[in-house]
Amino acid sequence: MQKNVATLLHKVIEEKMTKNSDKETTHLNFCLSIDIFNNSVLSAPRSYKKRRKVIGFACDEINRVWDSI
């Protein structure tokens, strides 16, 4: 799950903060997920495209059943 959190952080920064800027880029190493309970820090993985698709499918599934919950 930590890699998913870091991947989503990378996506948000990429879309919201650097969208209109030619000079700014998002660095995977700086998109961190910190788990204080397990004393773990992970950065966004280099292979994030497939992970983003899986996260998107999960969001679609949640959206589909949300009203029935």
N, C-alpha and C. Protein backbone atom coordinates (compact mmCIF):
# COMPACT_ATOMS: atom_id res chain seq x y z
N MET A 1 0.81 -1.21 0.00
CA MET A 1 0.00 0.00 0.00
C MET A 1 0.85 1.27 0.00
N GLN A 2 2.02 1.19 0.60
CA GLN A 2 2.87 2.38 0.63
C GLN A 2 3.26 2.82 -0.77
N LYS A 3 3.53 1.87 -1.64
CA LYS A 3 3.89 2.22 -3.02
C LYS A 3 2.71 2.88 -3.72
N ASN A 4 1.50 2.45 -3.40
CA ASN A 4 0.31 3.07 -3.99
C ASN A 4 0.18 4.51 -3.53
N VAL A 5 0.41 4.75 -2.26
CA VAL A 5 0.32 6.12 -1.72
C VAL A 5 1.35 7.01 -2.38
N ALA A 6 2.58 6.53 -2.50
CA ALA A 6 3.64 7.33 -3.13
C ALA A 6 3.33 7.56 -4.61
N THR A 7 2.76 6.56 -5.28
CA THR A 7 2.39 6.70 -6.69
C THR A 7 1.29 7.73 -6.86
N LEU A 8 0.30 7.72 -5.97
CA LEU A 8 -0.78 8.72 -6.05
C LEU A 8 -0.25 10.12 -5.77
N LEU A 9 0.67 10.24 -4.83
CA LEU A 9 1.28 11.53 -4.54
C LEU A 9 2.02 12.04 -5.78
N HIS A 10 2.75 11.17 -6.43
CA HIS A 10 3.46 11.54 -7.65
C HIS A 10 2.48 12.03 -8.72
N LYS A 11 1.38 11.33 -8.87
CA LYS A 11 0.37 11.71 -9.88
C LYS A 11 -0.23 13.08 -9.58
N VAL A 12 -0.58 13.31 -8.32
CA VAL A 12 -1.18 14.60 -7.94
C VAL A 12 -0.20 15.74 -8.19
N ILE A 13 1.03 15.55 -7.78
CA ILE A 13 2.03 16.61 -7.99
C ILE A 13 2.24 16.84 -9.48
N GLU A 14 2.31 15.76 -10.23
CA GLU A 14 2.51 15.86 -11.68
C GLU A 14 1.36 16.61 -12.35
N GLU A 15 0.14 16.30 -11.96
CA GLU A 15 -1.03 16.91 -12.60
C GLU A 15 -1.33 18.31 -12.11
N LYS A 16 -1.19 18.56 -10.83
CA LYS A 16 -1.64 19.83 -10.25
C LYS A 16 -0.53 20.88 -10.17
N MET A 17 0.68 20.46 -9.86
CA MET A 17 1.71 21.45 -9.57
C MET A 17 2.64 21.73 -10.74
N THR A 18 2.86 20.78 -11.61
CA THR A 18 3.81 21.00 -12.70
C THR A 18 3.13 21.02 -14.07
N LYS A 19 1.83 21.01 -14.09
CA LYS A 19 1.08 20.93 -15.34
C LYS A 19 1.38 22.09 -16.28
N ASN A 20 1.45 23.28 -15.77
CA ASN A 20 1.65 24.47 -16.60
C ASN A 20 3.07 25.02 -16.56
N SER A 21 3.99 24.19 -16.14
CA SER A 21 5.36 24.67 -16.01
C SER A 21 6.30 23.80 -16.84
N ASP A 22 7.12 24.45 -17.63
CA ASP A 22 8.11 23.73 -18.42
C ASP A 22 9.38 23.47 -17.61
N LYS A 23 9.58 24.24 -16.56
CA LYS A 23 10.81 24.14 -15.78
C LYS A 23 10.72 23.13 -14.65
N GLU A 24 9.52 22.87 -14.15
CA GLU A 24 9.37 21.99 -13.00
C GLU A 24 9.03 20.57 -13.44
N THR A 25 9.61 19.62 -12.73
CA THR A 25 9.29 18.21 -12.95
C THR A 25 9.08 17.53 -11.60
N THR A 26 8.41 16.43 -11.63
CA THR A 26 8.24 15.66 -10.40
C THR A 26 9.31 14.58 -10.35
N HIS A 27 9.89 14.42 -9.19
CA HIS A 27 10.93 13.41 -9.00
C HIS A 27 10.36 12.28 -8.15
N LEU A 28 10.46 11.08 -8.67
CA LEU A 28 9.94 9.92 -7.95
C LEU A 28 10.57 9.76 -6.58
N ASN A 29 11.84 10.09 -6.46
CA ASN A 29 12.54 9.92 -5.18
C ASN A 29 12.02 10.83 -4.08
N PHE A 30 11.35 11.92 -4.48
CA PHE A 30 10.84 12.86 -3.49
C PHE A 30 9.37 12.64 -3.15
N CYS A 31 8.72 11.71 -3.82
CA CYS A 31 7.33 11.37 -3.53
C CYS A 31 7.35 10.20 -2.54
N LEU A 32 7.26 10.53 -1.28
CA LEU A 32 7.48 9.54 -0.22
C LEU A 32 6.20 9.17 0.51
N SER A 33 6.13 7.90 0.88
CA SER A 33 5.09 7.41 1.76
C SER A 33 5.79 6.97 3.04
N ILE A 34 5.37 7.56 4.15
CA ILE A 34 6.02 7.29 5.44
C ILE A 34 5.04 6.54 6.33
N ASP A 35 5.45 5.35 6.73
CA ASP A 35 4.65 4.52 7.64
C ASP A 35 5.32 4.58 9.01
N ILE A 36 4.77 5.40 9.90
CA ILE A 36 5.41 5.59 11.20
C ILE A 36 5.25 4.37 12.11
N PHE A 37 4.22 3.58 11.89
CA PHE A 37 3.99 2.42 12.74
C PHE A 37 4.96 1.28 12.42
N ASN A 38 5.34 1.14 11.16
CA ASN A 38 6.28 0.10 10.75
C ASN A 38 7.68 0.65 10.51
N ASN A 39 7.87 1.94 10.80
CA ASN A 39 9.17 2.58 10.65
C ASN A 39 9.72 2.36 9.24
N SER A 40 8.92 2.76 8.24
CA SER A 40 9.27 2.50 6.86
C SER A 40 9.02 3.74 6.00
N VAL A 41 9.93 3.98 5.06
CA VAL A 41 9.80 5.08 4.11
C VAL A 41 10.05 4.51 2.72
N LEU A 42 9.09 4.73 1.81
CA LEU A 42 9.22 4.27 0.43
C LEU A 42 8.95 5.42 -0.52
N SER A 43 9.72 5.48 -1.59
CA SER A 43 9.47 6.47 -2.64
C SER A 43 8.62 5.83 -3.73
N ALA A 44 8.08 6.65 -4.59
CA ALA A 44 7.26 6.16 -5.69
C ALA A 44 8.11 5.27 -6.59
N PRO A 45 7.57 4.14 -7.01
CA PRO A 45 8.35 3.22 -7.85
C PRO A 45 8.54 3.78 -9.26
N ARG A 46 9.60 3.35 -9.91
CA ARG A 46 9.87 3.79 -11.28
C ARG A 46 8.83 3.26 -12.26
N SER A 47 8.32 2.08 -11.99
CA SER A 47 7.30 1.49 -12.86
C SER A 47 5.91 1.82 -12.32
N TYR A 48 5.49 3.06 -12.52
CA TYR A 48 4.25 3.54 -11.92
C TYR A 48 3.05 3.46 -12.86
N LYS A 49 3.25 3.29 -14.15
CA LYS A 49 2.12 3.32 -15.09
C LYS A 49 1.13 2.19 -14.85
N LYS A 50 1.62 0.98 -14.68
CA LYS A 50 0.74 -0.15 -14.42
C LYS A 50 0.06 0.01 -13.06
N ARG A 51 0.80 0.48 -12.08
CA ARG A 51 0.24 0.68 -10.74
C ARG A 51 -0.87 1.72 -10.78
N ARG A 52 -0.70 2.78 -11.56
CA ARG A 52 -1.75 3.79 -11.70
C ARG A 52 -3.00 3.19 -12.32
N LYS A 53 -2.85 2.31 -13.29
CA LYS A 53 -4.01 1.66 -13.90
C LYS A 53 -4.75 0.80 -12.88
N VAL A 54 -4.01 0.05 -12.08
CA VAL A 54 -4.63 -0.80 -11.06
C VAL A 54 -5.37 0.06 -10.04
N ILE A 55 -4.76 1.15 -9.62
CA ILE A 55 -5.42 2.07 -8.68
C ILE A 55 -6.68 2.65 -9.32
N GLY A 56 -6.61 3.00 -10.60
CA GLY A 56 -7.77 3.52 -11.31
C GLY A 56 -8.91 2.51 -11.37
N PHE A 57 -8.58 1.24 -11.62
CA PHE A 57 -9.61 0.19 -11.64
C PHE A 57 -10.25 0.05 -10.26
N ALA A 58 -9.44 0.13 -9.21
CA ALA A 58 -9.98 0.03 -7.85
C ALA A 58 -10.89 1.21 -7.54
N CYS A 59 -10.52 2.40 -7.98
CA CYS A 59 -11.37 3.58 -7.76
C CYS A 59 -12.68 3.45 -8.52
N ASP A 60 -12.61 2.93 -9.74
CA ASP A 60 -13.84 2.72 -10.52
C ASP A 60 -14.77 1.74 -9.83
N GLU A 61 -14.20 0.68 -9.27
CA GLU A 61 -15.00 -0.32 -8.57
C GLU A 61 -15.66 0.28 -7.32
N ILE A 62 -14.90 1.06 -6.58
CA ILE A 62 -15.45 1.72 -5.39
C ILE A 62 -16.57 2.67 -5.79
N ASN A 63 -16.35 3.44 -6.85
CA ASN A 63 -17.35 4.38 -7.33
C ASN A 63 -18.63 3.66 -7.76
N ARG A 64 -18.47 2.50 -8.36
CA ARG A 64 -19.62 1.73 -8.85
C ARG A 64 -20.50 1.24 -7.71
N VAL A 65 -19.91 0.84 -6.60
CA VAL A 65 -20.70 0.25 -5.50
C VAL A 65 -20.96 1.23 -4.35
N TRP A 66 -20.42 2.45 -4.44
CA TRP A 66 -20.48 3.37 -3.31
C TRP A 66 -21.91 3.67 -2.86
N ASP A 67 -22.82 3.90 -3.76
CA ASP A 67 -24.19 4.25 -3.39
C ASP A 67 -24.93 3.11 -2.70
N SER A 68 -24.49 1.88 -2.91
CA SER A 68 -25.16 0.72 -2.28
C SER A 68 -24.62 0.43 -0.88
N ILE A 69 -23.61 1.14 -0.48
CA ILE A 69 -23.02 0.90 0.86
C ILE A 69 -23.79 1.67 1.91
